[in-house]
Amino acid sequence: MLPLARSGRIRALGIFSKKRLAGAPEVSTIAEAGGPRLESSTRVMFLALAGTFKDIVNKMSAQVSNAVASLDIKKRFEELGIEPVAETPEEASKFLNDEIVEWAKVITTAGVKAE
């Protein structure tokens, strides 16, 4: 969305994060804009089937970390307002488990039902 905001086609009112994006310091957080303290993000992750050999998972993780650390990728992500996160498989697993717990509370509290 950042390229659209920078082109003037849309207006960025705020982002759902604890802090401003390094690549878009001009866009305030929702809390800074006077709203509630909300945090939500979109993650793109490489996942493997349960039971995949640990050495294969670790090799994939290392390759992704190397790609995310490359100057070309960093520059392009910054242009798009994306903050790359290169996590270990264990960190990614913890993130997913924490998200399941957190969003289950939201769904339960709101009484959301699948249709």
C-alpha atoms as a PDB file:
ATOM      1  CA  MET A   1       0.000   0.000   0.000  1.00  0.00           C
ATOM      2  CA  LEU A   2       2.924   2.336   0.604  1.00  0.00           C
ATOM      3  CA  PRO A   3       3.591   3.031  -3.093  1.00  0.00           C
ATOM      4  CA  LEU A   4      -0.079   4.022  -3.481  1.00  0.00           C
ATOM      5  CA  ALA A   5       0.155   6.333  -0.465  1.00  0.00           C
ATOM      6  CA  ARG A   6       3.336   7.925  -1.727  1.00  0.00           C
ATOM      7  CA  SER A   7       1.792   8.472  -5.159  1.00  0.00           C
ATOM      8  CA  GLY A   8      -1.157  10.286  -3.551  1.00  0.00           C
ATOM      9  CA  ARG A   9      -3.747   7.759  -4.763  1.00  0.00           C
ATOM     10  CA  ILE A  10      -4.607   6.842  -1.156  1.00  0.00           C
ATOM     11  CA  ARG A  11      -3.907   8.437   2.219  1.00  0.00           C
ATOM     12  CA  ALA A  12      -2.097   6.483   4.917  1.00  0.00           C
ATOM     13  CA  LEU A  13      -3.934   7.192   8.175  1.00  0.00           C
ATOM     14  CA  GLY A  14      -1.837   4.919  10.357  1.00  0.00           C
ATOM     15  CA  ILE A  15      -0.236   1.522  10.696  1.00  0.00           C
ATOM     16  CA  PHE A  16      -1.142  -1.336  13.014  1.00  0.00           C
ATOM     17  CA  SER A  17       2.212  -1.695  14.733  1.00  0.00           C
ATOM     18  CA  LYS A  18       3.907  -0.726  17.984  1.00  0.00           C
ATOM     19  CA  LYS A  19       6.355   1.548  16.191  1.00  0.00           C
ATOM     20  CA  ARG A  20       6.651   3.362  12.899  1.00  0.00           C
ATOM     21  CA  LEU A  21       8.134   1.547   9.934  1.00  0.00           C
ATOM     22  CA  ALA A  22      11.755   2.417   9.162  1.00  0.00           C
ATOM     23  CA  GLY A  23      10.797   2.625   5.484  1.00  0.00           C
ATOM     24  CA  ALA A  24       7.808   4.905   6.149  1.00  0.00           C
ATOM     25  CA  PRO A  25       8.584   7.126   9.134  1.00  0.00           C
ATOM     26  CA  GLU A  26       6.031   9.660   7.893  1.00  0.00           C
ATOM     27  CA  VAL A  27       3.148   7.267   8.660  1.00  0.00           C
ATOM     28  CA  SER A  28       2.114   7.301  12.308  1.00  0.00           C
ATOM     29  CA  THR A  29       0.955   4.298  14.264  1.00  0.00           C
ATOM     30  CA  ILE A  30      -2.780   4.041  14.993  1.00  0.00           C
ATOM     31  CA  ALA A  31      -2.046   4.857  18.656  1.00  0.00           C
ATOM     32  CA  GLU A  32      -0.043   7.957  17.687  1.00  0.00           C
ATOM     33  CA  ALA A  33      -2.949   9.062  15.495  1.00  0.00           C
ATOM     34  CA  GLY A  34      -5.251   8.977  18.537  1.00  0.00           C
ATOM     35  CA  GLY A  35      -6.652   5.490  18.145  1.00  0.00           C
ATOM     36  CA  PRO A  36      -6.354   2.428  20.349  1.00  0.00           C
ATOM     37  CA  ARG A  37      -3.107   0.555  20.746  1.00  0.00           C
ATOM     38  CA  LEU A  38      -3.540  -2.067  18.039  1.00  0.00           C
ATOM     39  CA  GLU A  39      -0.975  -4.369  16.592  1.00  0.00           C
ATOM     40  CA  SER A  40      -1.424  -6.616  13.620  1.00  0.00           C
ATOM     41  CA  SER A  41       0.884  -7.667  10.853  1.00  0.00           C
ATOM     42  CA  THR A  42       0.970  -9.708   7.730  1.00  0.00           C
ATOM     43  CA  ARG A  43       3.638 -12.345   7.577  1.00  0.00           C
ATOM     44  CA  VAL A  44       4.850 -14.376   4.674  1.00  0.00           C
ATOM     45  CA  MET A  45       6.499 -17.549   5.861  1.00  0.00           C
ATOM     46  CA  PHE A  46       8.032 -20.590   4.295  1.00  0.00           C
ATOM     47  CA  LEU A  47       6.545 -23.656   5.973  1.00  0.00           C
ATOM     48  CA  ALA A  48       7.434 -27.322   5.744  1.00  0.00           C
ATOM     49  CA  LEU A  49       5.424 -30.414   6.499  1.00  0.00           C
ATOM     50  CA  ALA A  50       5.613 -31.760  10.018  1.00  0.00           C
ATOM     51  CA  GLY A  51       8.301 -34.389  10.144  1.00  0.00           C
ATOM     52  CA  THR A  52      10.564 -32.697   7.596  1.00  0.00           C
ATOM     53  CA  PHE A  53      14.155 -33.421   8.521  1.00  0.00           C
ATOM     54  CA  LYS A  54      15.602 -30.711  10.789  1.00  0.00           C
ATOM     55  CA  ASP A  55      18.674 -30.215   8.593  1.00  0.00           C
ATOM     56  CA  ILE A  56      16.443 -29.430   5.596  1.00  0.00           C
ATOM     57  CA  VAL A  57      14.374 -26.951   7.631  1.00  0.00           C
ATOM     58  CA  ASN A  58      17.545 -25.290   8.927  1.00  0.00           C
ATOM     59  CA  LYS A  59      19.001 -25.055   5.419  1.00  0.00           C
ATOM     60  CA  MET A  60      15.817 -23.435   4.111  1.00  0.00           C
ATOM     61  CA  SER A  61      15.827 -21.020   7.038  1.00  0.00           C
ATOM     62  CA  ALA A  62      19.451 -20.046   6.407  1.00  0.00           C
ATOM     63  CA  GLN A  63      18.754 -19.418   2.719  1.00  0.00           C
ATOM     64  CA  VAL A  64      15.766 -17.213   3.504  1.00  0.00           C
ATOM     65  CA  SER A  65      17.811 -15.283   6.081  1.00  0.00           C
ATOM     66  CA  ASN A  66      20.550 -14.734   3.488  1.00  0.00           C
ATOM     67  CA  ALA A  67      18.048 -13.513   0.913  1.00  0.00           C
ATOM     68  CA  VAL A  68      16.366 -11.127   3.370  1.00  0.00           C
ATOM     69  CA  ALA A  69      19.777  -9.735   4.348  1.00  0.00           C
ATOM     70  CA  SER A  70      20.757  -8.930   0.746  1.00  0.00           C
ATOM     71  CA  LEU A  71      20.976  -5.215  -0.070  1.00  0.00           C
ATOM     72  CA  ASP A  72      18.687  -5.534  -3.115  1.00  0.00           C
ATOM     73  CA  ILE A  73      15.919  -7.182  -1.107  1.00  0.00           C
ATOM     74  CA  LYS A  74      16.315  -4.746   1.788  1.00  0.00           C
ATOM     75  CA  LYS A  75      16.058  -1.767  -0.570  1.00  0.00           C
ATOM     76  CA  ARG A  76      12.993  -3.128  -2.374  1.00  0.00           C
ATOM     77  CA  PHE A  77      11.241  -4.046   0.858  1.00  0.00           C
ATOM     78  CA  GLU A  78      11.891  -0.570   2.272  1.00  0.00           C
ATOM     79  CA  GLU A  79      10.322   0.972  -0.857  1.00  0.00           C
ATOM     80  CA  LEU A  80       7.239  -1.167  -0.268  1.00  0.00           C
ATOM     81  CA  GLY A  81       7.086  -0.494   3.468  1.00  0.00           C
ATOM     82  CA  ILE A  82       7.921  -4.082   4.360  1.00  0.00           C
ATOM     83  CA  GLU A  83      10.073  -4.869   7.372  1.00  0.00           C
ATOM     84  CA  PRO A  84      11.619  -8.278   6.805  1.00  0.00           C
ATOM     85  CA  VAL A  85      11.887 -10.637   9.737  1.00  0.00           C
ATOM     86  CA  ALA A  86      14.357 -13.489   9.443  1.00  0.00           C
ATOM     87  CA  GLU A  87      13.492 -15.840  12.271  1.00  0.00           C
ATOM     88  CA  THR A  88      14.744 -19.223  13.259  1.00  0.00           C
ATOM     89  CA  PRO A  89      12.270 -22.076  12.804  1.00  0.00           C
ATOM     90  CA  GLU A  90      11.736 -22.080  16.577  1.00  0.00           C
ATOM     91  CA  GLU A  91      10.988 -18.340  16.650  1.00  0.00           C
ATOM     92  CA  ALA A  92       8.553 -18.671  13.743  1.00  0.00           C
ATOM     93  CA  SER A  93       6.799 -21.560  15.497  1.00  0.00           C
ATOM     94  CA  LYS A  94       6.471 -19.509  18.679  1.00  0.00           C
ATOM     95  CA  PHE A  95       5.082 -16.562  16.691  1.00  0.00           C
ATOM     96  CA  LEU A  96       2.446 -18.773  15.056  1.00  0.00           C
ATOM     97  CA  ASN A  97       1.431 -20.373  18.344  1.00  0.00           C
ATOM     98  CA  ASP A  98       1.182 -16.964  20.049  1.00  0.00           C
ATOM     99  CA  GLU A  99      -0.956 -15.654  17.181  1.00  0.00           C
ATOM    100  CA  ILE A 100      -3.335 -18.605  17.455  1.00  0.00           C
ATOM    101  CA  VAL A 101      -3.802 -17.961  21.169  1.00  0.00           C
ATOM    102  CA  GLU A 102      -4.235 -14.198  20.715  1.00  0.00           C
ATOM    103  CA  TRP A 103      -6.702 -14.365  17.813  1.00  0.00           C
ATOM    104  CA  ALA A 104      -8.662 -17.175  19.473  1.00  0.00           C
ATOM    105  CA  LYS A 105      -9.370 -14.718  22.318  1.00  0.00           C
ATOM    106  CA  VAL A 106     -10.555 -12.091  19.833  1.00  0.00           C
ATOM    107  CA  ILE A 107     -12.783 -14.572  17.996  1.00  0.00           C
ATOM    108  CA  THR A 108     -14.261 -15.927  21.218  1.00  0.00           C
ATOM    109  CA  THR A 109     -14.847 -12.481  22.731  1.00  0.00           C
ATOM    110  CA  ALA A 110     -16.483 -11.213  19.526  1.00  0.00           C
ATOM    111  CA  GLY A 111     -18.575 -14.389  19.144  1.00  0.00           C
ATOM    112  CA  VAL A 112     -17.395 -14.922  15.575  1.00  0.00           C
ATOM    113  CA  LYS A 113     -18.957 -17.968  13.895  1.00  0.00           C
ATOM    114  CA  ALA A 114     -17.872 -19.647  10.670  1.00  0.00           C
ATOM    115  CA  GLU A 115     -20.503 -19.498   7.954  1.00  0.00           C
END
